[in-house]
Structures are given as C-alpha cells and as structure tokens.
Amino acid sequence: MILCECGEFVEGRTFKVYIETSSNPSTATIGHRDCGFIFDFIDGNAPKKYSSKKELKVLAVRFAKKRKMDYASIERFLIEIDRIKSCGRLPDSEVLLQALEKLGGNGVSLRQ
C-alpha cells in the first residue's frame, strides 16, 4: 500500500508511465490516477507527506477501516499516532507504520 503525497492510499488506482531516472532514460513506473503524482522508486524519491495531527488522524482512521480493525484497536492506534507525531518530524507513512508496529501490525507494510 502506497501513501501518495495527496494524502490518499493508491491501492490500484494507478497508470503506467515512463520517466527519466539516474539508471535509465526510460524507466517504467506508476502514477496516481486521482492526483497525477508520478512515483520515482528508482532514485529513492518516495513521496513524503507531512500532515498536521488532525489530517494524519483522518488518514489513520481510513487506514484502520481498510484493515477492518475493531474500535478498541483503532483507539489504541490513534493514541500511538498522536504520541509518535508529537515526538518528532516523521513523514506520515513512517508515523503510520511505527504505530502499527507498536500494536503488532501482523506484517502489514506501507512500503513498496
């Protein structure tokens, strides 16, 4: 699951595109159909979105609902999100991933 810079989870809403990277002048990659953002995975330019606590909690609830978490787990997840976000300046995907790992995420990953 990829978290786009627009704040949405990509989940299959992609298009194929060829871009110039450091390794090849024509490298196949994907873009997000909803906002048009093109991902450059080759050069390590993965999107890093830094949201406010409120925006991040909205993303976290969407993520938890897609994972079919129960209400008690969502509550603990949001508390972890708030705690991790307060500790430093991490991108949204890292905050979500660390919070999920704290709850025993069962191998769920936000990284491609």
N, C-alpha and C. Protein backbone atom coordinates (compact mmCIF):
# COMPACT_ATOMS: atom_id res chain seq x y z
N MET A 1 0.84 -1.18 0.00
CA MET A 1 0.00 0.00 0.00
C MET A 1 0.89 1.24 0.00
N ILE A 2 0.61 2.12 -0.90
CA ILE A 2 1.43 3.32 -1.06
C ILE A 2 0.59 4.52 -0.62
N LEU A 3 1.19 5.38 0.20
CA LEU A 3 0.56 6.62 0.62
C LEU A 3 1.09 7.72 -0.28
N CYS A 4 0.19 8.33 -1.06
CA CYS A 4 0.57 9.37 -2.01
C CYS A 4 0.75 10.70 -1.29
N GLU A 5 1.41 11.64 -1.96
CA GLU A 5 1.58 12.97 -1.41
C GLU A 5 0.25 13.71 -1.26
N CYS A 6 -0.76 13.30 -1.99
CA CYS A 6 -2.06 13.96 -1.89
C CYS A 6 -2.81 13.52 -0.64
N GLY A 7 -2.31 12.50 0.06
CA GLY A 7 -2.93 12.04 1.29
C GLY A 7 -3.83 10.84 1.12
N GLU A 8 -3.91 10.29 -0.06
CA GLU A 8 -4.75 9.13 -0.33
C GLU A 8 -3.87 7.89 -0.46
N PHE A 9 -4.46 6.73 -0.15
CA PHE A 9 -3.80 5.47 -0.40
C PHE A 9 -4.04 5.10 -1.86
N VAL A 10 -2.99 4.69 -2.56
CA VAL A 10 -3.08 4.48 -4.01
C VAL A 10 -3.94 3.27 -4.34
N GLU A 11 -3.68 2.13 -3.82
CA GLU A 11 -4.46 0.90 -3.96
C GLU A 11 -5.07 0.65 -5.34
N GLY A 12 -4.22 0.47 -6.32
CA GLY A 12 -4.68 0.06 -7.64
C GLY A 12 -5.15 1.17 -8.56
N ARG A 13 -5.31 2.37 -8.08
CA ARG A 13 -5.74 3.48 -8.93
C ARG A 13 -4.49 4.14 -9.51
N THR A 14 -3.85 3.42 -10.44
CA THR A 14 -2.58 3.89 -11.00
C THR A 14 -2.62 3.88 -12.51
N PHE A 15 -1.63 4.52 -13.09
CA PHE A 15 -1.41 4.44 -14.53
C PHE A 15 0.09 4.21 -14.74
N LYS A 16 0.43 3.60 -15.86
CA LYS A 16 1.82 3.31 -16.17
C LYS A 16 2.42 4.48 -16.93
N VAL A 17 3.65 4.83 -16.58
CA VAL A 17 4.34 5.95 -17.21
C VAL A 17 5.83 5.64 -17.27
N TYR A 18 6.52 6.25 -18.21
CA TYR A 18 7.96 6.10 -18.34
C TYR A 18 8.61 7.44 -18.02
N ILE A 19 9.61 7.40 -17.12
CA ILE A 19 10.29 8.63 -16.71
C ILE A 19 11.80 8.45 -16.84
N GLU A 20 12.51 9.54 -16.84
CA GLU A 20 13.97 9.50 -16.86
C GLU A 20 14.47 9.40 -15.42
N THR A 21 15.35 8.40 -15.17
CA THR A 21 15.96 8.23 -13.86
C THR A 21 17.47 8.21 -14.02
N SER A 22 18.16 8.11 -12.91
CA SER A 22 19.63 8.07 -12.96
C SER A 22 20.15 6.80 -13.61
N SER A 23 19.35 5.74 -13.63
CA SER A 23 19.81 4.47 -14.20
C SER A 23 19.41 4.26 -15.65
N ASN A 24 18.40 4.99 -16.13
CA ASN A 24 17.89 4.72 -17.46
C ASN A 24 17.08 5.94 -17.94
N PRO A 25 17.20 6.29 -19.20
CA PRO A 25 16.42 7.43 -19.69
C PRO A 25 14.93 7.12 -19.86
N SER A 26 14.56 5.86 -19.82
CA SER A 26 13.16 5.48 -19.96
C SER A 26 12.84 4.35 -19.00
N THR A 27 12.48 4.70 -17.78
CA THR A 27 12.20 3.73 -16.73
C THR A 27 10.70 3.66 -16.48
N ALA A 28 10.16 2.45 -16.47
CA ALA A 28 8.73 2.27 -16.21
C ALA A 28 8.44 2.48 -14.73
N THR A 29 7.37 3.20 -14.46
CA THR A 29 6.93 3.41 -13.08
C THR A 29 5.42 3.63 -13.10
N ILE A 30 4.87 4.04 -11.97
CA ILE A 30 3.43 4.27 -11.90
C ILE A 30 3.14 5.70 -11.45
N GLY A 31 1.93 6.12 -11.73
CA GLY A 31 1.43 7.41 -11.27
C GLY A 31 0.09 7.20 -10.60
N HIS A 32 -0.28 8.12 -9.72
CA HIS A 32 -1.57 8.04 -9.03
C HIS A 32 -2.65 8.66 -9.91
N ARG A 33 -3.63 7.89 -10.26
CA ARG A 33 -4.68 8.33 -11.18
C ARG A 33 -5.50 9.50 -10.62
N ASP A 34 -5.69 9.55 -9.30
CA ASP A 34 -6.54 10.60 -8.71
C ASP A 34 -5.91 11.98 -8.76
N CYS A 35 -4.59 12.07 -8.52
CA CYS A 35 -3.96 13.39 -8.45
C CYS A 35 -2.88 13.60 -9.52
N GLY A 36 -2.44 12.53 -10.19
CA GLY A 36 -1.44 12.66 -11.24
C GLY A 36 0.00 12.58 -10.76
N PHE A 37 0.23 12.38 -9.46
CA PHE A 37 1.59 12.30 -8.94
C PHE A 37 2.28 11.06 -9.52
N ILE A 38 3.53 11.24 -9.98
CA ILE A 38 4.31 10.15 -10.56
C ILE A 38 5.38 9.72 -9.55
N PHE A 39 5.43 8.43 -9.25
CA PHE A 39 6.36 7.89 -8.27
C PHE A 39 7.68 7.53 -8.93
N ASP A 40 8.78 7.96 -8.31
CA ASP A 40 10.13 7.63 -8.78
C ASP A 40 10.77 6.74 -7.73
N PHE A 41 10.56 5.42 -7.85
CA PHE A 41 11.07 4.46 -6.89
C PHE A 41 12.55 4.16 -7.11
N ILE A 42 13.06 4.38 -8.31
CA ILE A 42 14.43 4.03 -8.66
C ILE A 42 15.44 4.92 -7.93
N ASP A 43 15.22 6.22 -7.96
CA ASP A 43 16.16 7.15 -7.34
C ASP A 43 15.87 7.39 -5.86
N GLY A 44 14.93 6.66 -5.30
CA GLY A 44 14.62 6.79 -3.88
C GLY A 44 13.86 8.05 -3.54
N ASN A 45 13.16 8.60 -4.49
CA ASN A 45 12.38 9.82 -4.25
C ASN A 45 10.95 9.46 -3.91
N ALA A 46 10.77 8.61 -2.91
CA ALA A 46 9.43 8.22 -2.49
C ALA A 46 8.72 9.43 -1.88
N PRO A 47 7.41 9.48 -2.06
CA PRO A 47 6.69 10.64 -1.53
C PRO A 47 6.74 10.68 -0.01
N LYS A 48 6.92 11.86 0.54
CA LYS A 48 6.93 12.05 1.98
C LYS A 48 5.98 13.18 2.30
N LYS A 49 4.86 12.82 2.84
CA LYS A 49 3.85 13.81 3.19
C LYS A 49 3.92 14.08 4.69
N TYR A 50 3.90 15.34 5.06
CA TYR A 50 3.92 15.75 6.46
C TYR A 50 2.61 16.48 6.75
N SER A 51 1.69 15.79 7.40
CA SER A 51 0.38 16.35 7.69
C SER A 51 0.32 16.88 9.11
N SER A 52 -0.71 17.65 9.38
CA SER A 52 -0.98 18.06 10.75
C SER A 52 -1.51 16.83 11.50
N LYS A 53 -1.59 16.94 12.83
CA LYS A 53 -2.10 15.81 13.62
C LYS A 53 -3.52 15.45 13.21
N LYS A 54 -4.33 16.46 12.95
CA LYS A 54 -5.72 16.21 12.58
C LYS A 54 -5.80 15.47 11.24
N GLU A 55 -5.06 15.94 10.23
CA GLU A 55 -5.07 15.28 8.93
C GLU A 55 -4.53 13.85 9.02
N LEU A 56 -3.50 13.67 9.84
CA LEU A 56 -2.91 12.35 9.99
C LEU A 56 -3.87 11.38 10.66
N LYS A 57 -4.65 11.87 11.61
CA LYS A 57 -5.63 11.00 12.27
C LYS A 57 -6.74 10.60 11.31
N VAL A 58 -7.12 11.48 10.41
CA VAL A 58 -8.11 11.13 9.39
C VAL A 58 -7.56 10.02 8.50
N LEU A 59 -6.30 10.15 8.08
CA LEU A 59 -5.65 9.09 7.30
C LEU A 59 -5.59 7.79 8.09
N ALA A 60 -5.26 7.89 9.38
CA ALA A 60 -5.14 6.70 10.22
C ALA A 60 -6.47 5.97 10.36
N VAL A 61 -7.55 6.71 10.49
CA VAL A 61 -8.87 6.08 10.60
C VAL A 61 -9.23 5.39 9.29
N ARG A 62 -8.95 6.04 8.16
CA ARG A 62 -9.19 5.41 6.85
C ARG A 62 -8.40 4.11 6.72
N PHE A 63 -7.11 4.18 7.13
CA PHE A 63 -6.25 3.02 7.06
C PHE A 63 -6.78 1.91 7.96
N ALA A 64 -7.18 2.25 9.18
CA ALA A 64 -7.69 1.25 10.12
C ALA A 64 -8.97 0.60 9.62
N LYS A 65 -9.84 1.38 9.01
CA LYS A 65 -11.09 0.82 8.48
C LYS A 65 -10.82 -0.13 7.32
N LYS A 66 -9.84 0.20 6.49
CA LYS A 66 -9.48 -0.70 5.39
C LYS A 66 -8.90 -2.01 5.91
N ARG A 67 -8.26 -1.95 7.07
CA ARG A 67 -7.68 -3.14 7.70
C ARG A 67 -8.68 -3.85 8.60
N LYS A 68 -9.93 -3.32 8.64
CA LYS A 68 -11.01 -3.91 9.43
C LYS A 68 -10.63 -4.06 10.91
N MET A 69 -10.01 -3.02 11.46
CA MET A 69 -9.65 -3.01 12.87
C MET A 69 -10.91 -2.74 13.70
N ASP A 70 -10.98 -3.34 14.90
CA ASP A 70 -12.11 -3.06 15.79
C ASP A 70 -11.91 -1.70 16.47
N TYR A 71 -12.95 -1.23 17.14
CA TYR A 71 -12.91 0.12 17.72
C TYR A 71 -11.83 0.28 18.79
N ALA A 72 -11.61 -0.75 19.60
CA ALA A 72 -10.58 -0.67 20.63
C ALA A 72 -9.20 -0.55 20.00
N SER A 73 -8.96 -1.30 18.94
CA SER A 73 -7.67 -1.23 18.24
C SER A 73 -7.48 0.12 17.57
N ILE A 74 -8.56 0.66 17.00
CA ILE A 74 -8.47 1.99 16.37
C ILE A 74 -8.13 3.04 17.41
N GLU A 75 -8.74 2.93 18.58
CA GLU A 75 -8.46 3.88 19.66
C GLU A 75 -6.99 3.83 20.06
N ARG A 76 -6.46 2.63 20.26
CA ARG A 76 -5.03 2.49 20.62
C ARG A 76 -4.14 2.98 19.48
N PHE A 77 -4.54 2.70 18.24
CA PHE A 77 -3.79 3.13 17.07
C PHE A 77 -3.70 4.66 17.01
N LEU A 78 -4.82 5.34 17.25
CA LEU A 78 -4.83 6.80 17.23
C LEU A 78 -4.00 7.40 18.36
N ILE A 79 -4.00 6.75 19.51
CA ILE A 79 -3.16 7.22 20.63
C ILE A 79 -1.69 7.10 20.25
N GLU A 80 -1.32 5.98 19.62
CA GLU A 80 0.08 5.80 19.18
C GLU A 80 0.44 6.82 18.10
N ILE A 81 -0.48 7.08 17.18
CA ILE A 81 -0.26 8.09 16.14
C ILE A 81 0.05 9.44 16.78
N ASP A 82 -0.75 9.82 17.75
CA ASP A 82 -0.57 11.11 18.43
C ASP A 82 0.76 11.16 19.16
N ARG A 83 1.12 10.08 19.84
CA ARG A 83 2.37 10.03 20.58
C ARG A 83 3.59 10.11 19.65
N ILE A 84 3.57 9.35 18.57
CA ILE A 84 4.70 9.33 17.64
C ILE A 84 4.82 10.66 16.90
N LYS A 85 3.69 11.23 16.50
CA LYS A 85 3.71 12.51 15.79
C LYS A 85 4.27 13.61 16.68
N SER A 86 4.00 13.54 17.97
CA SER A 86 4.49 14.55 18.91
C SER A 86 5.99 14.45 19.17
N CYS A 87 6.56 13.29 18.93
CA CYS A 87 7.97 13.05 19.25
C CYS A 87 8.95 13.60 18.20
N GLY A 88 8.50 13.88 17.02
CA GLY A 88 9.46 14.33 16.01
C GLY A 88 8.81 14.67 14.70
N ARG A 89 9.64 14.83 13.71
CA ARG A 89 9.19 15.24 12.38
C ARG A 89 9.36 14.08 11.41
N LEU A 90 8.46 13.12 11.48
CA LEU A 90 8.49 11.96 10.58
C LEU A 90 7.43 12.11 9.51
N PRO A 91 7.67 11.56 8.31
CA PRO A 91 6.62 11.58 7.29
C PRO A 91 5.43 10.72 7.73
N ASP A 92 4.28 11.00 7.17
CA ASP A 92 3.05 10.31 7.56
C ASP A 92 3.17 8.79 7.47
N SER A 93 3.76 8.30 6.39
CA SER A 93 3.86 6.85 6.22
C SER A 93 4.68 6.21 7.33
N GLU A 94 5.74 6.88 7.79
CA GLU A 94 6.55 6.35 8.89
C GLU A 94 5.79 6.37 10.21
N VAL A 95 5.02 7.42 10.45
CA VAL A 95 4.23 7.50 11.67
C VAL A 95 3.20 6.38 11.69
N LEU A 96 2.49 6.17 10.57
CA LEU A 96 1.51 5.09 10.49
C LEU A 96 2.15 3.73 10.67
N LEU A 97 3.28 3.53 10.04
CA LEU A 97 3.98 2.24 10.13
C LEU A 97 4.46 1.97 11.55
N GLN A 98 5.06 2.96 12.20
CA GLN A 98 5.55 2.76 13.57
C GLN A 98 4.39 2.50 14.54
N ALA A 99 3.28 3.21 14.37
CA ALA A 99 2.12 3.00 15.23
C ALA A 99 1.56 1.60 15.04
N LEU A 100 1.51 1.15 13.81
CA LEU A 100 1.01 -0.19 13.52
C LEU A 100 1.93 -1.25 14.10
N GLU A 101 3.24 -1.04 14.01
CA GLU A 101 4.19 -1.99 14.57
C GLU A 101 4.08 -2.06 16.10
N LYS A 102 3.80 -0.91 16.74
CA LYS A 102 3.61 -0.89 18.20
C LYS A 102 2.42 -1.75 18.61
N LEU A 103 1.42 -1.81 17.75
CA LEU A 103 0.22 -2.60 18.04
C LEU A 103 0.34 -4.04 17.56
N GLY A 104 1.48 -4.40 16.98
CA GLY A 104 1.64 -5.75 16.45
C GLY A 104 0.96 -5.89 15.11
N GLY A 105 1.43 -5.14 14.11
CA GLY A 105 0.79 -4.98 12.81
C GLY A 105 0.65 -6.21 11.96
N ASN A 106 1.09 -7.36 12.38
CA ASN A 106 0.92 -8.60 11.62
C ASN A 106 1.48 -8.52 10.21
N GLY A 107 2.65 -7.88 10.06
CA GLY A 107 3.32 -7.85 8.77
C GLY A 107 2.76 -6.87 7.77
N VAL A 108 1.84 -6.03 8.17
CA VAL A 108 1.29 -5.03 7.25
C VAL A 108 2.35 -3.98 7.02
N SER A 109 2.57 -3.62 5.77
CA SER A 109 3.59 -2.63 5.44
C SER A 109 3.03 -1.56 4.53
N LEU A 110 3.49 -0.35 4.74
CA LEU A 110 3.12 0.74 3.86
C LEU A 110 4.17 0.97 2.80
N ARG A 111 5.27 0.27 2.89
CA ARG A 111 6.37 0.45 1.94
C ARG A 111 6.17 -0.44 0.76
N GLN A 112 6.62 0.02 -0.38
CA GLN A 112 6.51 -0.75 -1.62
C GLN A 112 7.72 -1.62 -1.75
